[in-house]
């Protein structure tokens, strides 16, 4: 053989396997996203890549490099929740379908200072399919902020 060799997969004597080209990412906002709009799907802005193995995350969107099953997870810290809102929907939107966590803040006595919403899914994605995160608030005031301690991550599981 000639040329240079690159490790694409390595194994330890204990049986641990690492795959240097396996798609994986973790992003978070670089600042809060303030006073999200009411009545429309707001795309979550992710300004900081903690890591992007494979370089498949750009412009707030993950693009699947190969067909497979991807584990996608989002955790949003919402501040200044409005109890007058009819609902909040946090959605992982993929090319194939949407996965949504829905909650109704009417049960709160007053506007909560903070609220965490988490959603995870093993999603089927084809090559070049995309995934992003949207949040939709129905009714109420445009007072809710998405804190910079929110996260979106994913990896090719199988």
Protein backbone atom coordinates (compact mmCIF):
# COMPACT_ATOMS: atom_id res chain seq x y z
CA UNK A 1 0.00 0.00 0.00
CA UNK A 2 1.09 3.54 -0.55
CA UNK A 3 0.07 6.94 0.76
CA UNK A 4 -0.97 7.84 4.28
CA UNK A 5 -3.28 5.85 6.50
CA UNK A 6 -6.12 7.42 8.46
CA UNK A 7 -7.82 5.69 11.38
CA UNK A 8 -11.54 5.55 10.68
CA UNK A 9 -12.24 3.09 13.48
CA UNK A 10 -10.21 2.07 16.48
CA UNK A 11 -10.64 -0.66 19.08
CA UNK A 12 -9.19 -0.92 22.56
CA UNK A 13 -8.23 -4.17 24.26
CA UNK A 14 -11.32 -3.64 26.48
CA UNK A 15 -13.59 -3.67 23.44
CA UNK A 16 -14.26 0.08 23.19
CA UNK A 17 -14.87 1.28 19.62
CA UNK A 18 -14.45 4.83 18.35
CA UNK A 19 -15.39 5.96 14.87
CA UNK A 20 -13.61 9.16 13.85
CA UNK A 21 -16.02 9.86 10.96
CA UNK A 22 -19.28 9.04 12.81
CA UNK A 23 -21.58 12.11 12.52
CA UNK A 24 -22.20 13.79 15.89
CA UNK A 25 -22.90 17.34 17.04
CA UNK A 26 -23.68 19.42 20.11
CA UNK A 27 -24.69 23.07 19.74
CA UNK A 28 -25.93 25.78 22.07
CA UNK A 29 -26.93 29.42 21.68
CA UNK A 30 -24.25 32.08 21.97
CA UNK A 31 -26.85 34.38 23.56
CA UNK A 32 -30.48 34.36 24.64
CA UNK A 33 -33.19 34.54 21.99
CA UNK A 34 -35.52 37.15 23.50
CA UNK A 35 -39.26 37.74 23.25
CA UNK A 36 -40.04 34.98 20.76
CA UNK A 37 -42.89 35.72 18.36
CA UNK A 38 -46.39 34.51 19.13
CA UNK A 39 -48.41 32.54 16.58
CA UNK A 40 -45.60 31.42 14.28
CA UNK A 41 -42.91 28.77 14.18
CA UNK A 42 -39.68 30.34 15.47
CA UNK A 43 -36.48 28.62 14.35
CA UNK A 44 -34.06 28.23 17.26
CA UNK A 45 -30.76 29.96 16.61
CA UNK A 46 -27.66 27.98 17.63
CA UNK A 47 -24.57 30.17 17.68
CA UNK A 48 -21.96 27.93 19.30
CA UNK A 49 -20.83 24.50 18.16
CA UNK A 50 -19.40 22.56 21.09
CA UNK A 51 -18.43 19.91 18.54
CA UNK A 52 -19.47 18.99 15.01
CA UNK A 53 -17.84 15.70 14.08
CA UNK A 54 -18.15 15.41 10.33
CA UNK A 55 -19.06 19.06 9.73
CA UNK A 56 -22.76 18.38 9.12
CA UNK A 57 -24.21 21.23 11.21
CA UNK A 58 -24.56 24.73 9.72
CA UNK A 59 -27.04 27.62 9.74
CA UNK A 60 -29.03 26.18 12.69
CA UNK A 61 -29.59 22.91 10.80
CA UNK A 62 -28.15 19.39 10.87
CA UNK A 63 -27.91 17.65 7.49
CA UNK A 64 -27.64 13.85 7.49
CA UNK A 65 -24.59 12.73 5.52
CA UNK A 66 -25.89 9.14 5.12
CA UNK A 67 -29.18 7.28 5.47
CA UNK A 68 -29.71 5.87 8.95
CA UNK A 69 -31.26 6.28 12.39
CA UNK A 70 -30.18 9.43 14.22
CA UNK A 71 -30.58 10.09 17.92
CA UNK A 72 -31.66 13.74 18.21
CA UNK A 73 -32.17 15.57 21.49
CA UNK A 74 -33.08 19.12 22.45
CA UNK A 75 -33.27 20.82 25.83
CA UNK A 76 -34.62 24.37 25.89
CA UNK A 77 -34.57 26.55 28.97
CA UNK A 78 -37.44 28.99 28.57
CA UNK A 79 -37.55 32.14 30.69
CA UNK A 80 -40.53 34.43 31.33
CA UNK A 81 -43.18 31.84 30.42
CA UNK A 82 -46.57 33.50 29.82
CA UNK A 83 -49.52 31.82 31.56
CA UNK A 84 -51.81 33.56 29.06
CA UNK A 85 -50.33 31.46 26.25
CA UNK A 86 -52.63 28.66 25.09
CA UNK A 87 -49.66 26.36 24.53
CA UNK A 88 -45.96 26.04 23.78
CA UNK A 89 -44.78 23.45 21.25
CA UNK A 90 -41.10 22.53 20.98
CA UNK A 91 -40.46 20.56 17.80
CA UNK A 92 -37.55 18.70 16.30
CA UNK A 93 -38.43 19.18 12.64
CA UNK A 94 -36.92 16.70 10.19
CA UNK A 95 -37.43 16.31 6.45
CA UNK A 96 -39.51 13.17 7.10
CA UNK A 97 -41.69 14.30 10.05
CA UNK A 98 -42.00 16.51 13.10
CA UNK A 99 -41.56 15.36 16.72
CA UNK A 100 -43.22 17.67 19.23
CA UNK A 101 -43.36 18.20 22.99
CA UNK A 102 -46.47 20.24 23.84
CA UNK A 103 -47.43 21.85 27.11
CA UNK A 104 -50.07 24.23 28.39
CA UNK A 105 -48.95 26.87 30.93
CA UNK A 106 -52.51 27.70 32.09
CA UNK A 107 -52.03 25.56 35.20
CA UNK A 108 -49.39 27.87 36.64
CA UNK A 109 -50.45 30.40 39.30
CA UNK A 110 -48.18 33.05 37.80
CA UNK A 111 -45.62 33.43 35.01
CA UNK A 112 -42.78 30.99 35.85
CA UNK A 113 -39.30 32.47 35.78
CA UNK A 114 -37.81 29.34 34.15
CA UNK A 115 -39.04 26.16 32.52
CA UNK A 116 -37.09 23.36 30.84
CA UNK A 117 -38.48 21.43 27.89
CA UNK A 118 -36.67 18.28 26.73
CA UNK A 119 -37.35 16.08 23.73
CA UNK A 120 -35.42 13.10 22.34
CA UNK A 121 -36.18 10.90 19.37
CA UNK A 122 -34.56 8.18 17.30
CA UNK A 123 -35.41 9.54 13.86
CA UNK A 124 -35.10 7.92 10.47
CA UNK A 125 -33.25 10.20 8.10
CA UNK A 126 -32.12 9.77 4.51
CA UNK A 127 -28.98 11.25 2.98
CA UNK A 128 -29.34 15.07 2.82
CA UNK A 129 -32.41 15.14 5.12
CA UNK A 130 -32.31 18.00 7.60
CA UNK A 131 -33.22 18.55 11.25
CA UNK A 132 -33.72 21.77 13.17
CA UNK A 133 -35.58 22.96 16.26
CA UNK A 134 -38.62 25.21 16.25
CA UNK A 135 -40.79 26.60 19.02
CA UNK A 136 -44.35 27.82 18.62
CA UNK A 137 -46.26 29.82 21.23
CA UNK A 138 -49.98 30.23 20.67
CA UNK A 139 -51.67 33.30 22.20
CA UNK A 140 -50.32 35.39 25.07
CA UNK A 141 -47.57 38.01 24.99
CA UNK A 142 -44.23 37.89 23.18
CA UNK A 143 -42.27 37.82 26.43
CA UNK A 144 -40.71 34.34 26.47
CA UNK A 145 -36.93 34.07 26.09
CA UNK A 146 -34.86 31.01 25.15
CA UNK A 147 -31.88 30.97 27.49
CA UNK A 148 -28.33 30.38 26.29
CA UNK A 149 -28.17 27.28 28.50
CA UNK A 150 -30.17 25.34 25.90
CA UNK A 151 -28.76 22.49 23.80
CA UNK A 152 -29.38 20.53 20.60
CA UNK A 153 -27.43 17.34 19.88
CA UNK A 154 -27.46 14.36 17.61
CA UNK A 155 -25.49 11.40 16.31
CA UNK A 156 -25.81 8.53 13.85
CA UNK A 157 -26.94 5.60 15.99
CA UNK A 158 -27.31 2.89 13.35
